[in-house]
C-alpha atoms as a PDB file:
ATOM      1  CA  UNK A   1       0.000   0.000   0.000  1.00  0.00           C
ATOM      2  CA  UNK A   2       2.925   2.352   0.687  1.00  0.00           C
ATOM      3  CA  UNK A   3       4.100   2.063  -2.921  1.00  0.00           C
ATOM      4  CA  UNK A   4       0.596   2.744  -4.201  1.00  0.00           C
ATOM      5  CA  UNK A   5       0.484   6.056  -2.283  1.00  0.00           C
ATOM      6  CA  UNK A   6       3.998   6.963  -3.400  1.00  0.00           C
ATOM      7  CA  UNK A   7       3.220   6.123  -7.020  1.00  0.00           C
ATOM      8  CA  UNK A   8      -0.034   8.071  -6.868  1.00  0.00           C
ATOM      9  CA  UNK A   9       1.757  11.087  -5.401  1.00  0.00           C
ATOM     10  CA  UNK A  10       4.497  10.933  -8.033  1.00  0.00           C
ATOM     11  CA  UNK A  11       2.003  10.482 -10.878  1.00  0.00           C
ATOM     12  CA  UNK A  12      -0.135  13.372  -9.626  1.00  0.00           C
ATOM     13  CA  UNK A  13       2.879  15.658  -9.268  1.00  0.00           C
ATOM     14  CA  UNK A  14       4.094  14.855 -12.782  1.00  0.00           C
ATOM     15  CA  UNK A  15       0.618  15.064 -14.287  1.00  0.00           C
ATOM     16  CA  UNK A  16      -0.247  18.419 -12.788  1.00  0.00           C
ATOM     17  CA  UNK A  17       3.253  19.706 -13.489  1.00  0.00           C
ATOM     18  CA  UNK A  18       2.550  18.671 -17.060  1.00  0.00           C
ATOM     19  CA  UNK A  19      -0.476  20.951 -17.009  1.00  0.00           C
ATOM     20  CA  UNK A  20       1.715  24.037 -16.527  1.00  0.00           C
ATOM     21  CA  UNK A  21       2.559  24.414 -20.242  1.00  0.00           C
ATOM     22  CA  UNK A  22      -1.160  24.230 -21.080  1.00  0.00           C
ATOM     23  CA  UNK A  23      -2.010  26.908 -18.551  1.00  0.00           C
ATOM     24  CA  UNK A  24       1.058  29.047 -19.173  1.00  0.00           C
ATOM     25  CA  UNK A  25       0.838  29.045 -22.947  1.00  0.00           C
ATOM     26  CA  UNK A  26      -2.886  29.819 -22.839  1.00  0.00           C
ATOM     27  CA  UNK A  27      -2.191  32.675 -20.440  1.00  0.00           C
ATOM     28  CA  UNK A  28       0.550  33.980 -22.756  1.00  0.00           C
ATOM     29  CA  UNK A  29      -1.874  33.791 -25.680  1.00  0.00           C
ATOM     30  CA  UNK A  30      -4.587  35.639 -23.749  1.00  0.00           C
ATOM     31  CA  UNK A  31      -2.259  38.250 -22.235  1.00  0.00           C
ATOM     32  CA  UNK A  32       0.530  38.742 -24.783  1.00  0.00           C
ATOM     33  CA  UNK A  33       2.011  41.665 -22.821  1.00  0.00           C
ATOM     34  CA  UNK A  34       3.415  39.206 -20.245  1.00  0.00           C
ATOM     35  CA  UNK A  35       4.543  36.611 -22.772  1.00  0.00           C
ATOM     36  CA  UNK A  36       8.184  35.991 -23.661  1.00  0.00           C
ATOM     37  CA  UNK A  37       7.035  35.100 -27.182  1.00  0.00           C
ATOM     38  CA  UNK A  38       4.458  36.245 -29.712  1.00  0.00           C
ATOM     39  CA  UNK A  39       0.791  35.398 -29.516  1.00  0.00           C
ATOM     40  CA  UNK A  40       1.088  33.115 -32.534  1.00  0.00           C
ATOM     41  CA  UNK A  41       4.168  31.494 -31.000  1.00  0.00           C
ATOM     42  CA  UNK A  42       2.194  30.730 -27.837  1.00  0.00           C
ATOM     43  CA  UNK A  43      -0.568  29.192 -29.906  1.00  0.00           C
ATOM     44  CA  UNK A  44       1.781  27.065 -31.997  1.00  0.00           C
ATOM     45  CA  UNK A  45       3.482  25.762 -28.851  1.00  0.00           C
ATOM     46  CA  UNK A  46       0.135  25.103 -27.152  1.00  0.00           C
ATOM     47  CA  UNK A  47      -1.119  23.021 -30.072  1.00  0.00           C
ATOM     48  CA  UNK A  48       2.221  21.223 -30.314  1.00  0.00           C
ATOM     49  CA  UNK A  49       2.287  20.465 -26.598  1.00  0.00           C
ATOM     50  CA  UNK A  50      -1.313  19.231 -26.716  1.00  0.00           C
ATOM     51  CA  UNK A  51      -0.375  16.932 -29.582  1.00  0.00           C
ATOM     52  CA  UNK A  52       2.618  15.561 -27.661  1.00  0.00           C
ATOM     53  CA  UNK A  53       0.532  14.858 -24.558  1.00  0.00           C
ATOM     54  CA  UNK A  54      -2.229  13.233 -26.588  1.00  0.00           C
ATOM     55  CA  UNK A  55       0.406  10.965 -28.145  1.00  0.00           C
ATOM     56  CA  UNK A  56       1.680  10.208 -24.644  1.00  0.00           C
ATOM     57  CA  UNK A  57      -1.799   9.020 -23.649  1.00  0.00           C
ATOM     58  CA  UNK A  58      -1.783   6.674 -26.625  1.00  0.00           C
ATOM     59  CA  UNK A  59       1.600   5.427 -25.418  1.00  0.00           C
ATOM     60  CA  UNK A  60       0.079   4.578 -22.049  1.00  0.00           C
ATOM     61  CA  UNK A  61      -2.474   2.476 -23.902  1.00  0.00           C
ATOM     62  CA  UNK A  62       0.280   0.763 -25.890  1.00  0.00           C
ATOM     63  CA  UNK A  63       2.095  -0.073 -22.651  1.00  0.00           C
ATOM     64  CA  UNK A  64      -1.024  -1.501 -21.029  1.00  0.00           C
ATOM     65  CA  UNK A  65      -1.722  -3.636 -24.091  1.00  0.00           C
ATOM     66  CA  UNK A  66       1.800  -5.013 -24.319  1.00  0.00           C
ATOM     67  CA  UNK A  67       1.869  -5.801 -20.598  1.00  0.00           C
ATOM     68  CA  UNK A  68      -1.346  -7.805 -20.948  1.00  0.00           C
ATOM     69  CA  UNK A  69      -0.217  -9.685 -24.075  1.00  0.00           C
ATOM     70  CA  UNK A  70      -3.485 -11.587 -24.464  1.00  0.00           C
ATOM     71  CA  UNK A  71      -6.031 -12.163 -27.237  1.00  0.00           C
ATOM     72  CA  UNK A  72      -7.110  -8.500 -27.287  1.00  0.00           C
ATOM     73  CA  UNK A  73      -3.593  -7.093 -27.500  1.00  0.00           C
ATOM     74  CA  UNK A  74      -3.564  -6.659 -31.284  1.00  0.00           C
ATOM     75  CA  UNK A  75      -6.775  -4.628 -31.239  1.00  0.00           C
ATOM     76  CA  UNK A  76      -5.530  -2.542 -28.281  1.00  0.00           C
ATOM     77  CA  UNK A  77      -2.226  -1.869 -30.052  1.00  0.00           C
ATOM     78  CA  UNK A  78      -4.105  -0.765 -33.142  1.00  0.00           C
ATOM     79  CA  UNK A  79      -6.383   1.626 -31.253  1.00  0.00           C
ATOM     80  CA  UNK A  80      -3.528   2.949 -29.117  1.00  0.00           C
ATOM     81  CA  UNK A  81      -2.031   4.715 -32.133  1.00  0.00           C
ATOM     82  CA  UNK A  82      -5.256   6.639 -32.860  1.00  0.00           C
ATOM     83  CA  UNK A  83      -4.435   9.478 -30.415  1.00  0.00           C
ATOM     84  CA  UNK A  84      -1.052  10.014 -32.087  1.00  0.00           C
ATOM     85  CA  UNK A  85      -2.643  10.119 -35.542  1.00  0.00           C
ATOM     86  CA  UNK A  86      -5.249  12.629 -34.384  1.00  0.00           C
ATOM     87  CA  UNK A  87      -2.542  14.689 -32.663  1.00  0.00           C
ATOM     88  CA  UNK A  88      -0.455  14.719 -35.831  1.00  0.00           C
ATOM     89  CA  UNK A  89      -3.492  15.797 -37.846  1.00  0.00           C
ATOM     90  CA  UNK A  90      -4.075  18.656 -35.361  1.00  0.00           C
ATOM     91  CA  UNK A  91      -0.630  20.001 -36.249  1.00  0.00           C
ATOM     92  CA  UNK A  92      -1.864  20.582 -39.799  1.00  0.00           C
ATOM     93  CA  UNK A  93      -5.192  22.247 -38.963  1.00  0.00           C
ATOM     94  CA  UNK A  94      -5.874  25.957 -38.469  1.00  0.00           C
ATOM     95  CA  UNK A  95      -5.526  26.978 -34.816  1.00  0.00           C
ATOM     96  CA  UNK A  96      -9.133  27.046 -33.586  1.00  0.00           C
ATOM     97  CA  UNK A  97     -10.127  23.692 -35.135  1.00  0.00           C
ATOM     98  CA  UNK A  98      -6.872  22.144 -33.884  1.00  0.00           C
ATOM     99  CA  UNK A  99      -7.556  23.285 -30.318  1.00  0.00           C
ATOM    100  CA  UNK A 100     -11.143  22.026 -30.455  1.00  0.00           C
ATOM    101  CA  UNK A 101     -10.054  18.704 -31.967  1.00  0.00           C
ATOM    102  CA  UNK A 102      -7.458  18.279 -29.219  1.00  0.00           C
ATOM    103  CA  UNK A 103     -10.056  19.066 -26.535  1.00  0.00           C
ATOM    104  CA  UNK A 104     -12.576  16.623 -27.999  1.00  0.00           C
ATOM    105  CA  UNK A 105      -9.937  13.915 -28.276  1.00  0.00           C
ATOM    106  CA  UNK A 106      -8.823  14.436 -24.668  1.00  0.00           C
ATOM    107  CA  UNK A 107     -12.461  13.957 -23.611  1.00  0.00           C
ATOM    108  CA  UNK A 108     -12.813  10.863 -25.809  1.00  0.00           C
ATOM    109  CA  UNK A 109      -9.595   9.428 -24.410  1.00  0.00           C
ATOM    110  CA  UNK A 110     -10.749   9.983 -20.830  1.00  0.00           C
ATOM    111  CA  UNK A 111     -13.952   8.021 -21.479  1.00  0.00           C
ATOM    112  CA  UNK A 112     -11.946   5.344 -23.288  1.00  0.00           C
ATOM    113  CA  UNK A 113      -9.687   5.020 -20.240  1.00  0.00           C
ATOM    114  CA  UNK A 114     -12.659   5.011 -17.893  1.00  0.00           C
ATOM    115  CA  UNK A 115     -14.352   2.260 -19.864  1.00  0.00           C
ATOM    116  CA  UNK A 116     -11.256   0.077 -19.741  1.00  0.00           C
ATOM    117  CA  UNK A 117      -9.900   0.917 -16.266  1.00  0.00           C
ATOM    118  CA  UNK A 118     -11.305  -2.167 -14.538  1.00  0.00           C
ATOM    119  CA  UNK A 119     -10.680  -4.463 -17.478  1.00  0.00           C
ATOM    120  CA  UNK A 120      -6.991  -3.540 -17.388  1.00  0.00           C
ATOM    121  CA  UNK A 121      -6.682  -3.472 -13.573  1.00  0.00           C
ATOM    122  CA  UNK A 122      -5.334   0.065 -13.504  1.00  0.00           C
ATOM    123  CA  UNK A 123      -4.346   1.435 -10.094  1.00  0.00           C
ATOM    124  CA  UNK A 124      -7.171   3.025  -8.090  1.00  0.00           C
ATOM    125  CA  UNK A 125      -5.551   6.452  -8.307  1.00  0.00           C
ATOM    126  CA  UNK A 126      -5.306   6.478 -12.097  1.00  0.00           C
ATOM    127  CA  UNK A 127      -8.877   7.380 -13.092  1.00  0.00           C
ATOM    128  CA  UNK A 128      -9.429  10.101 -10.460  1.00  0.00           C
ATOM    129  CA  UNK A 129      -6.168  11.670 -11.641  1.00  0.00           C
ATOM    130  CA  UNK A 130      -7.207  11.349 -15.305  1.00  0.00           C
ATOM    131  CA  UNK A 131     -10.552  12.968 -14.527  1.00  0.00           C
ATOM    132  CA  UNK A 132      -8.979  15.935 -12.719  1.00  0.00           C
ATOM    133  CA  UNK A 133      -6.399  16.606 -15.421  1.00  0.00           C
ATOM    134  CA  UNK A 134      -8.987  16.249 -18.188  1.00  0.00           C
ATOM    135  CA  UNK A 135     -11.182  18.781 -16.367  1.00  0.00           C
ATOM    136  CA  UNK A 136      -8.236  21.185 -16.429  1.00  0.00           C
ATOM    137  CA  UNK A 137      -6.846  20.590 -19.914  1.00  0.00           C
ATOM    138  CA  UNK A 138     -10.084  20.595 -21.915  1.00  0.00           C
ATOM    139  CA  UNK A 139     -11.392  23.994 -20.727  1.00  0.00           C
ATOM    140  CA  UNK A 140      -7.929  25.479 -21.178  1.00  0.00           C
ATOM    141  CA  UNK A 141      -7.813  24.361 -24.818  1.00  0.00           C
ATOM    142  CA  UNK A 142     -11.365  25.568 -25.426  1.00  0.00           C
ATOM    143  CA  UNK A 143     -10.662  28.978 -23.854  1.00  0.00           C
ATOM    144  CA  UNK A 144      -7.728  29.379 -26.243  1.00  0.00           C
ATOM    145  CA  UNK A 145      -9.905  28.306 -29.194  1.00  0.00           C
ATOM    146  CA  UNK A 146     -12.638  30.792 -28.331  1.00  0.00           C
ATOM    147  CA  UNK A 147     -10.105  33.569 -27.693  1.00  0.00           C
ATOM    148  CA  UNK A 148      -8.584  32.906 -31.119  1.00  0.00           C
ATOM    149  CA  UNK A 149     -11.959  33.212 -32.808  1.00  0.00           C
ATOM    150  CA  UNK A 150     -13.027  36.340 -30.919  1.00  0.00           C
END
């Protein structure tokens, strides 16, 4: 049980530390006077970072599938690359659609994880952490998308 608490604490620290670029880059986009880079630079980095993190989530799926190595592994491996493909596509879209697509895919991925959490025997702390970070990341991306349009 001690390791579970330590792992949960480490995962939460890393996850919410990983939110800082989302929040910071959105803030820089919204308030360019405080930004060390241009508004468009903030937006490009925000979309790029969102794409990287979305790919990371797919990598988690890949890892879970390979650790299981059972009859469903091939299908899980196949679907685990979908987030990376969507993320890559977002890099080619105009800013507002890219931000919305990232937000929608983060939501989809959360529900995908939630649906499979018990099936894959994920640690108890994983889904509450995923829910909290999704509830932070998605509105941040959508705020940036709306601010771009307005």
